[in-house]
Amino acid sequence: MLGCRYTGNKVECGDTLHGLIENAYGVESWQVQGADWMEGERYEVSATMPESGTREIGRRMMRRLLAERFGIEFHTVRKEFPVFAMVAASGGVKLKEVEKPASFKLGITAGQGDDTLRFEGKPGIPISSFVAYLRGPAGRPIVDETGLTGYYAIDVEWVRDPAERKNAGILTTLGKIGLKLESRKKTYDVMVIDKASKEPAEN
């Protein structure tokens, strides 16, 4: 397992220390700076929350566990990063809004044409989920400035270019659905890890 699952009153995680910190504090990977080993060693964590536990309670438990077991100490600094802002293109957004679904799926599959890939978000997804998915191909943070608050069916296809960053071709298709990315700069809080133990303390 990679990442953390919050099921009932159980918290189960399998990740690097860097990943565990990201999950516990609800930050992106680029908002955590620490020793190189923190992105290599994997750890398995299992904890029990109160019966009325929520995801936020689970995260607070993880923060306490990181301090007690790994001796995590950090300070926070403000740092400017290059980002993309997702905005409406000049012709306006070309997405079909749907009723809020009970659940939704999103991801990339093989397209219908030769050497093509296809992104589908169905039956409809919030723009925030689409933005979160695009951060990997973009290689930098993306902030949503579309003003879109509903759920939208998304279906775009593009020709795969082996020379591009993984799945980066999706970024060139955004115009088909009336969206675009603009380069900006934005300041974020960054956690600088001052102290962390590679060997966690015993229970």
Protein backbone atom coordinates (compact mmCIF):
# COMPACT_ATOMS: atom_id res chain seq x y z
CA MET A 1 0.00 0.00 0.00
CA LEU A 2 1.21 3.50 -0.81
CA GLY A 3 -0.31 6.40 1.09
CA CYS A 4 -2.86 6.24 3.92
CA ARG A 5 -6.33 4.73 4.25
CA TYR A 6 -8.88 5.95 6.79
CA THR A 7 -11.46 3.20 7.24
CA GLY A 8 -13.89 3.30 10.13
CA ASN A 9 -11.72 3.92 13.17
CA LYS A 10 -8.57 2.51 11.54
CA VAL A 11 -5.64 4.40 10.02
CA GLU A 12 -3.29 2.32 7.86
CA CYS A 13 -0.33 3.80 6.00
CA GLY A 14 2.51 2.46 3.89
CA ASP A 15 4.84 5.15 2.59
CA THR A 16 8.16 6.93 2.89
CA LEU A 17 8.59 9.27 5.84
CA HIS A 18 8.29 12.13 3.37
CA GLY A 19 4.93 10.72 2.21
CA LEU A 20 3.71 10.15 5.78
CA ILE A 21 4.45 13.80 6.61
CA GLU A 22 2.60 14.96 3.48
CA ASN A 23 -0.46 12.94 4.49
CA ALA A 24 -0.40 13.90 8.16
CA TYR A 25 -0.16 17.62 7.44
CA GLY A 26 -2.24 17.71 4.24
CA VAL A 27 0.52 19.27 2.12
CA GLU A 28 2.01 18.60 -1.32
CA SER A 29 5.37 16.85 -1.79
CA TRP A 30 7.11 20.09 -2.77
CA GLN A 31 6.03 21.63 0.54
CA VAL A 32 8.26 19.27 2.55
CA GLN A 33 12.04 19.62 2.57
CA GLY A 34 14.24 17.12 4.39
CA ALA A 35 17.06 14.58 4.12
CA ASP A 36 17.25 12.42 0.97
CA TRP A 37 16.65 9.19 2.92
CA MET A 38 13.17 10.42 3.83
CA GLU A 39 12.10 9.71 0.24
CA GLY A 40 13.65 6.23 0.09
CA GLU A 41 12.87 4.23 3.24
CA ARG A 42 9.34 2.76 3.46
CA TYR A 43 7.36 2.39 6.70
CA GLU A 44 4.11 0.63 7.61
CA VAL A 45 1.88 2.38 10.15
CA SER A 46 -1.35 1.16 11.74
CA ALA A 47 -3.34 3.03 14.39
CA THR A 48 -6.80 2.96 15.96
CA MET A 49 -8.90 6.10 16.32
CA PRO A 50 -11.86 6.72 18.62
CA GLU A 51 -15.10 5.23 17.25
CA SER A 52 -16.26 8.69 16.18
CA GLY A 53 -12.94 9.38 14.44
CA THR A 54 -12.74 11.44 11.26
CA ARG A 55 -10.02 11.88 8.66
CA GLU A 56 -8.85 15.06 10.43
CA ILE A 57 -8.65 13.20 13.76
CA GLY A 58 -6.62 10.52 11.98
CA ARG A 59 -4.24 13.14 10.62
CA ARG A 60 -3.77 14.65 14.08
CA MET A 61 -2.96 11.17 15.41
CA MET A 62 -0.41 10.73 12.62
CA ARG A 63 1.24 14.04 13.52
CA ARG A 64 1.55 12.95 17.15
CA LEU A 65 2.91 9.55 16.06
CA LEU A 66 5.51 11.19 13.80
CA ALA A 67 6.69 13.33 16.71
CA GLU A 68 6.77 10.45 19.21
CA ARG A 69 8.12 7.64 17.03
CA PHE A 70 10.31 9.51 14.51
CA GLY A 71 11.20 12.55 16.64
CA ILE A 72 10.04 14.91 13.88
CA GLU A 73 10.93 18.55 14.45
CA PHE A 74 10.45 21.22 11.79
CA HIS A 75 10.06 24.90 11.11
CA THR A 76 8.01 26.63 8.43
CA VAL A 77 9.21 29.13 5.85
CA ARG A 78 7.43 31.02 3.07
CA LYS A 79 8.75 30.25 -0.40
CA GLU A 80 7.78 31.40 -3.88
CA PHE A 81 7.11 28.71 -6.50
CA PRO A 82 6.33 28.80 -10.21
CA VAL A 83 2.76 27.58 -10.65
CA PHE A 84 0.12 27.24 -13.33
CA ALA A 85 -3.26 28.88 -12.95
CA MET A 86 -6.10 27.03 -14.66
CA VAL A 87 -8.46 29.57 -16.22
CA ALA A 88 -11.18 29.68 -18.86
CA ALA A 89 -9.91 30.04 -22.44
CA SER A 90 -11.01 32.97 -24.58
CA GLY A 91 -13.91 31.03 -26.13
CA GLY A 92 -15.30 30.03 -22.75
CA VAL A 93 -15.47 26.68 -20.96
CA LYS A 94 -16.79 23.79 -23.07
CA LEU A 95 -17.76 21.28 -20.41
CA LYS A 96 -21.10 19.64 -19.73
CA GLU A 97 -22.21 20.06 -16.12
CA VAL A 98 -23.94 17.03 -14.56
CA GLU A 99 -25.80 16.31 -11.36
CA LYS A 100 -23.54 15.46 -8.44
CA PRO A 101 -22.90 11.70 -8.79
CA ALA A 102 -22.79 9.23 -5.93
CA SER A 103 -19.23 8.40 -7.05
CA PHE A 104 -16.96 9.17 -9.98
CA LYS A 105 -13.92 7.79 -11.77
CA LEU A 106 -11.08 9.52 -13.53
CA GLY A 107 -7.91 8.39 -15.26
CA ILE A 108 -5.98 7.86 -18.46
CA THR A 109 -6.51 4.94 -20.83
CA ALA A 110 -5.54 4.08 -24.41
CA GLY A 111 -7.29 6.32 -26.93
CA GLN A 112 -9.28 5.26 -29.98
CA GLY A 113 -6.61 6.33 -32.48
CA ASP A 114 -3.12 4.97 -33.04
CA ASP A 115 -0.62 6.07 -30.37
CA THR A 116 -3.24 8.08 -28.53
CA LEU A 117 -4.15 8.46 -24.88
CA ARG A 118 -7.47 9.48 -23.42
CA PHE A 119 -8.47 11.13 -20.15
CA GLU A 120 -11.98 10.47 -18.84
CA GLY A 121 -13.70 11.88 -15.81
CA LYS A 122 -17.12 10.29 -15.53
CA PRO A 123 -19.99 10.56 -15.02
CA GLY A 124 -18.76 13.94 -13.77
CA ILE A 125 -15.91 15.18 -11.59
CA PRO A 126 -15.20 18.40 -9.69
CA ILE A 127 -12.61 20.67 -11.30
CA SER A 128 -10.53 20.38 -8.12
CA SER A 129 -10.02 16.65 -8.82
CA PHE A 130 -9.04 17.38 -12.42
CA VAL A 131 -6.56 20.03 -11.27
CA ALA A 132 -5.07 17.63 -8.70
CA TYR A 133 -4.61 14.99 -11.42
CA LEU A 134 -2.86 17.43 -13.75
CA ARG A 135 -0.16 18.37 -11.23
CA GLY A 136 1.82 15.24 -12.07
CA PRO A 137 1.98 15.81 -15.85
CA ALA A 138 2.52 19.55 -15.30
CA GLY A 139 5.44 19.05 -12.92
CA ARG A 140 4.43 22.03 -10.81
CA PRO A 141 1.51 23.21 -8.63
CA ILE A 142 -1.74 24.17 -10.35
CA VAL A 143 -4.26 26.54 -8.79
CA ASP A 144 -7.88 26.52 -9.88
CA GLU A 145 -9.08 29.95 -11.00
CA THR A 146 -11.90 28.78 -13.26
CA GLY A 147 -14.70 29.62 -10.83
CA LEU A 148 -16.38 26.31 -11.74
CA THR A 149 -18.10 24.77 -8.73
CA GLY A 150 -20.12 21.86 -10.16
CA TYR A 151 -19.38 18.39 -11.55
CA TYR A 152 -18.36 18.09 -15.18
CA ALA A 153 -18.01 15.25 -17.69
CA ILE A 154 -14.48 15.35 -19.15
CA ASP A 155 -13.31 13.34 -22.16
CA VAL A 156 -10.21 14.40 -24.10
CA GLU A 157 -7.79 12.49 -26.33
CA TRP A 158 -4.31 13.32 -27.61
CA VAL A 159 -1.43 11.77 -29.55
CA ARG A 160 1.25 10.28 -27.32
CA ASP A 161 4.70 11.89 -27.66
CA PRO A 162 7.40 9.61 -26.17
CA ALA A 163 9.71 12.61 -25.72
CA GLU A 164 7.29 14.42 -23.38
CA ARG A 165 7.08 14.19 -19.62
CA LYS A 166 4.75 11.34 -18.64
CA ASN A 167 1.20 12.08 -19.85
CA ALA A 168 2.13 15.74 -20.41
CA GLY A 169 0.24 15.67 -23.71
CA ILE A 170 -2.99 16.15 -21.79
CA LEU A 171 -1.91 19.73 -21.10
CA THR A 172 -2.01 20.55 -24.81
CA THR A 173 -5.61 19.31 -25.10
CA LEU A 174 -7.14 21.65 -22.53
CA GLY A 175 -8.16 24.12 -25.24
CA LYS A 176 -10.59 21.49 -26.58
CA ILE A 177 -12.64 21.87 -23.39
CA GLY A 178 -12.21 25.62 -23.10
CA LEU A 179 -9.48 25.67 -20.45
CA LYS A 180 -5.86 26.81 -20.39
CA LEU A 181 -2.89 27.08 -18.04
CA GLU A 182 -1.16 30.39 -17.36
CA SER A 183 2.29 30.65 -15.73
CA ARG A 184 2.26 32.51 -12.44
CA LYS A 185 4.24 32.69 -9.20
CA LYS A 186 2.71 31.98 -5.80
CA THR A 187 4.02 31.88 -2.23
CA TYR A 188 3.40 28.80 -0.05
CA ASP A 189 4.33 27.57 3.41
CA VAL A 190 7.12 24.97 3.28
CA MET A 191 7.94 22.52 6.09
CA VAL A 192 11.70 22.28 6.63
CA ILE A 193 12.45 19.10 8.59
CA ASP A 194 15.14 19.91 11.16
CA LYS A 195 15.22 16.52 12.87
CA ALA A 196 13.94 13.02 12.07
CA SER A 197 15.04 9.55 13.12
CA LYS A 198 15.54 6.90 10.43
CA GLU A 199 14.76 4.17 13.01
CA PRO A 200 11.39 4.77 14.69
CA ALA A 201 11.15 4.33 18.47
CA GLU A 202 9.38 1.23 19.80
CA ASN A 203 5.78 1.43 21.02
